[in-house]
């Protein structure tokens, strides 16, 4: 499942993001080192994909990761998402390896 998560300590910035893209702001858990309030917005699946497509031209540091996620969504979810064929498993494994190289996790909706 594709997720876009934004965390900030500036609530006003988060309000602007929700005004543009929708969603709800939640208080995120604090680390032991960080005593400030941290706010979080999560977008999942189709909404996350739509947001990634919109912000992609403006990304710099995370651009390659966004490319991998967009490409994965385009290739993996063609057709019906209910069955996972062997060909799809190969595609998923390829992208899981790519994401691991960026220290990110890929998790299928089936928990594998």
C-alpha atoms as a PDB file:
ATOM      1  CA  UNK A   1       0.000   0.000   0.000  1.00  0.00           C
ATOM      2  CA  UNK A   2       1.331   3.408  -0.924  1.00  0.00           C
ATOM      3  CA  UNK A   3       1.339   5.955   1.895  1.00  0.00           C
ATOM      4  CA  UNK A   4       2.405   9.577   1.906  1.00  0.00           C
ATOM      5  CA  UNK A   5       3.087  10.850   5.410  1.00  0.00           C
ATOM      6  CA  UNK A   6       4.041  14.393   6.305  1.00  0.00           C
ATOM      7  CA  UNK A   7       5.234  15.299   9.796  1.00  0.00           C
ATOM      8  CA  UNK A   8       6.009  18.792  11.013  1.00  0.00           C
ATOM      9  CA  UNK A   9       6.100  20.743  14.228  1.00  0.00           C
ATOM     10  CA  UNK A  10       4.520  23.774  12.518  1.00  0.00           C
ATOM     11  CA  UNK A  11       0.738  23.403  12.740  1.00  0.00           C
ATOM     12  CA  UNK A  12       0.051  26.308  10.364  1.00  0.00           C
ATOM     13  CA  UNK A  13       1.985  24.563   7.562  1.00  0.00           C
ATOM     14  CA  UNK A  14      -0.057  21.440   8.141  1.00  0.00           C
ATOM     15  CA  UNK A  15      -3.272  23.453   7.902  1.00  0.00           C
ATOM     16  CA  UNK A  16      -2.125  24.783   4.526  1.00  0.00           C
ATOM     17  CA  UNK A  17      -1.381  21.244   3.274  1.00  0.00           C
ATOM     18  CA  UNK A  18      -4.822  20.014   4.344  1.00  0.00           C
ATOM     19  CA  UNK A  19      -6.454  23.039   2.707  1.00  0.00           C
ATOM     20  CA  UNK A  20      -4.802  22.080  -0.598  1.00  0.00           C
ATOM     21  CA  UNK A  21      -4.966  18.261  -0.480  1.00  0.00           C
ATOM     22  CA  UNK A  22      -7.593  17.507   2.149  1.00  0.00           C
ATOM     23  CA  UNK A  23      -7.081  15.066   4.973  1.00  0.00           C
ATOM     24  CA  UNK A  24      -6.930  15.394   8.745  1.00  0.00           C
ATOM     25  CA  UNK A  25      -4.147  16.510  11.025  1.00  0.00           C
ATOM     26  CA  UNK A  26      -3.281  14.180  13.898  1.00  0.00           C
ATOM     27  CA  UNK A  27      -0.890  14.568  16.771  1.00  0.00           C
ATOM     28  CA  UNK A  28       2.045  12.192  16.250  1.00  0.00           C
ATOM     29  CA  UNK A  29       3.836  10.492  19.092  1.00  0.00           C
ATOM     30  CA  UNK A  30       6.819  12.369  20.447  1.00  0.00           C
ATOM     31  CA  UNK A  31      10.278  10.898  20.655  1.00  0.00           C
ATOM     32  CA  UNK A  32      12.132  11.017  23.938  1.00  0.00           C
ATOM     33  CA  UNK A  33      14.453  13.671  22.533  1.00  0.00           C
ATOM     34  CA  UNK A  34      11.821  15.855  20.927  1.00  0.00           C
ATOM     35  CA  UNK A  35       9.618  17.626  23.431  1.00  0.00           C
ATOM     36  CA  UNK A  36       7.667  19.656  20.836  1.00  0.00           C
ATOM     37  CA  UNK A  37       4.281  18.668  19.492  1.00  0.00           C
ATOM     38  CA  UNK A  38       4.601  16.917  16.135  1.00  0.00           C
ATOM     39  CA  UNK A  39       1.693  16.905  13.702  1.00  0.00           C
ATOM     40  CA  UNK A  40       1.079  14.292  11.053  1.00  0.00           C
ATOM     41  CA  UNK A  41      -1.072  13.844   7.939  1.00  0.00           C
ATOM     42  CA  UNK A  42      -1.367  10.452   6.239  1.00  0.00           C
ATOM     43  CA  UNK A  43      -2.665   9.746   2.778  1.00  0.00           C
ATOM     44  CA  UNK A  44      -3.050   6.146   1.572  1.00  0.00           C
ATOM     45  CA  UNK A  45      -3.524   4.282  -1.713  1.00  0.00           C
ATOM     46  CA  UNK A  46      -5.256   6.246  -4.484  1.00  0.00           C
ATOM     47  CA  UNK A  47      -5.172   9.564  -2.595  1.00  0.00           C
ATOM     48  CA  UNK A  48      -1.435   9.139  -1.907  1.00  0.00           C
ATOM     49  CA  UNK A  49      -0.836   8.297  -5.577  1.00  0.00           C
ATOM     50  CA  UNK A  50      -2.762  11.388  -6.743  1.00  0.00           C
ATOM     51  CA  UNK A  51      -0.803  13.632  -4.356  1.00  0.00           C
ATOM     52  CA  UNK A  52       2.545  12.147  -5.417  1.00  0.00           C
ATOM     53  CA  UNK A  53       1.690  12.823  -9.065  1.00  0.00           C
ATOM     54  CA  UNK A  54       0.818  16.439  -8.224  1.00  0.00           C
ATOM     55  CA  UNK A  55       3.890  17.245  -6.126  1.00  0.00           C
ATOM     56  CA  UNK A  56       6.385  15.221  -8.195  1.00  0.00           C
ATOM     57  CA  UNK A  57       7.631  18.167 -10.325  1.00  0.00           C
ATOM     58  CA  UNK A  58       8.506  20.097  -7.148  1.00  0.00           C
ATOM     59  CA  UNK A  59      10.410  17.341  -5.345  1.00  0.00           C
ATOM     60  CA  UNK A  60      14.186  17.450  -5.088  1.00  0.00           C
ATOM     61  CA  UNK A  61      15.557  15.166  -2.377  1.00  0.00           C
ATOM     62  CA  UNK A  62      12.757  12.576  -2.563  1.00  0.00           C
ATOM     63  CA  UNK A  63      12.267  12.630  -6.340  1.00  0.00           C
ATOM     64  CA  UNK A  64      13.781   9.183  -7.045  1.00  0.00           C
ATOM     65  CA  UNK A  65      11.734   7.575  -4.283  1.00  0.00           C
ATOM     66  CA  UNK A  66       8.580   9.183  -5.695  1.00  0.00           C
ATOM     67  CA  UNK A  67       9.492   7.849  -9.179  1.00  0.00           C
ATOM     68  CA  UNK A  68       9.825   4.320  -7.800  1.00  0.00           C
ATOM     69  CA  UNK A  69       6.479   4.558  -5.969  1.00  0.00           C
ATOM     70  CA  UNK A  70       4.615   6.007  -8.975  1.00  0.00           C
ATOM     71  CA  UNK A  71       6.118   3.422 -11.320  1.00  0.00           C
ATOM     72  CA  UNK A  72       5.234   0.643  -8.886  1.00  0.00           C
ATOM     73  CA  UNK A  73       1.627   1.802  -8.619  1.00  0.00           C
ATOM     74  CA  UNK A  74       1.361   2.026 -12.420  1.00  0.00           C
ATOM     75  CA  UNK A  75       2.816  -1.417 -13.070  1.00  0.00           C
ATOM     76  CA  UNK A  76       1.735  -3.469 -10.076  1.00  0.00           C
ATOM     77  CA  UNK A  77      -1.904  -2.468  -9.884  1.00  0.00           C
ATOM     78  CA  UNK A  78      -2.797  -2.870 -13.598  1.00  0.00           C
ATOM     79  CA  UNK A  79      -5.952  -4.895 -13.905  1.00  0.00           C
ATOM     80  CA  UNK A  80      -7.798  -6.237 -10.911  1.00  0.00           C
ATOM     81  CA  UNK A  81      -5.920  -5.927  -7.597  1.00  0.00           C
ATOM     82  CA  UNK A  82      -7.657  -8.941  -6.063  1.00  0.00           C
ATOM     83  CA  UNK A  83      -5.438 -11.706  -7.458  1.00  0.00           C
ATOM     84  CA  UNK A  84      -1.661 -11.660  -7.138  1.00  0.00           C
ATOM     85  CA  UNK A  85      -0.233 -13.550 -10.073  1.00  0.00           C
ATOM     86  CA  UNK A  86       3.358 -14.849 -10.178  1.00  0.00           C
ATOM     87  CA  UNK A  87       4.218 -12.024 -12.603  1.00  0.00           C
ATOM     88  CA  UNK A  88       2.905  -9.475 -10.098  1.00  0.00           C
ATOM     89  CA  UNK A  89       4.886 -11.064  -7.289  1.00  0.00           C
ATOM     90  CA  UNK A  90       8.056 -10.607  -9.380  1.00  0.00           C
ATOM     91  CA  UNK A  91       7.191  -6.944  -9.960  1.00  0.00           C
ATOM     92  CA  UNK A  92       6.506  -6.482  -6.227  1.00  0.00           C
ATOM     93  CA  UNK A  93       9.821  -8.121  -5.294  1.00  0.00           C
ATOM     94  CA  UNK A  94      11.706  -5.837  -7.693  1.00  0.00           C
ATOM     95  CA  UNK A  95      10.214  -2.700  -6.164  1.00  0.00           C
ATOM     96  CA  UNK A  96      10.606  -4.001  -2.621  1.00  0.00           C
ATOM     97  CA  UNK A  97      14.337  -4.372  -3.303  1.00  0.00           C
ATOM     98  CA  UNK A  98      14.526  -0.864  -4.771  1.00  0.00           C
ATOM     99  CA  UNK A  99      12.732   0.649  -1.780  1.00  0.00           C
ATOM    100  CA  UNK A 100      14.954  -1.251   0.668  1.00  0.00           C
ATOM    101  CA  UNK A 101      17.970   0.381  -1.004  1.00  0.00           C
ATOM    102  CA  UNK A 102      16.478   3.709   0.168  1.00  0.00           C
ATOM    103  CA  UNK A 103      15.804   2.222   3.640  1.00  0.00           C
ATOM    104  CA  UNK A 104      12.054   2.170   3.007  1.00  0.00           C
ATOM    105  CA  UNK A 105       9.611  -0.703   3.407  1.00  0.00           C
ATOM    106  CA  UNK A 106       7.134  -2.121   0.953  1.00  0.00           C
ATOM    107  CA  UNK A 107       4.169  -3.860   2.457  1.00  0.00           C
ATOM    108  CA  UNK A 108       1.474  -5.502   0.420  1.00  0.00           C
ATOM    109  CA  UNK A 109      -2.137  -5.291   1.433  1.00  0.00           C
ATOM    110  CA  UNK A 110      -1.935  -9.032   2.083  1.00  0.00           C
ATOM    111  CA  UNK A 111       0.707  -8.626   4.802  1.00  0.00           C
ATOM    112  CA  UNK A 112       3.568 -10.159   2.784  1.00  0.00           C
END
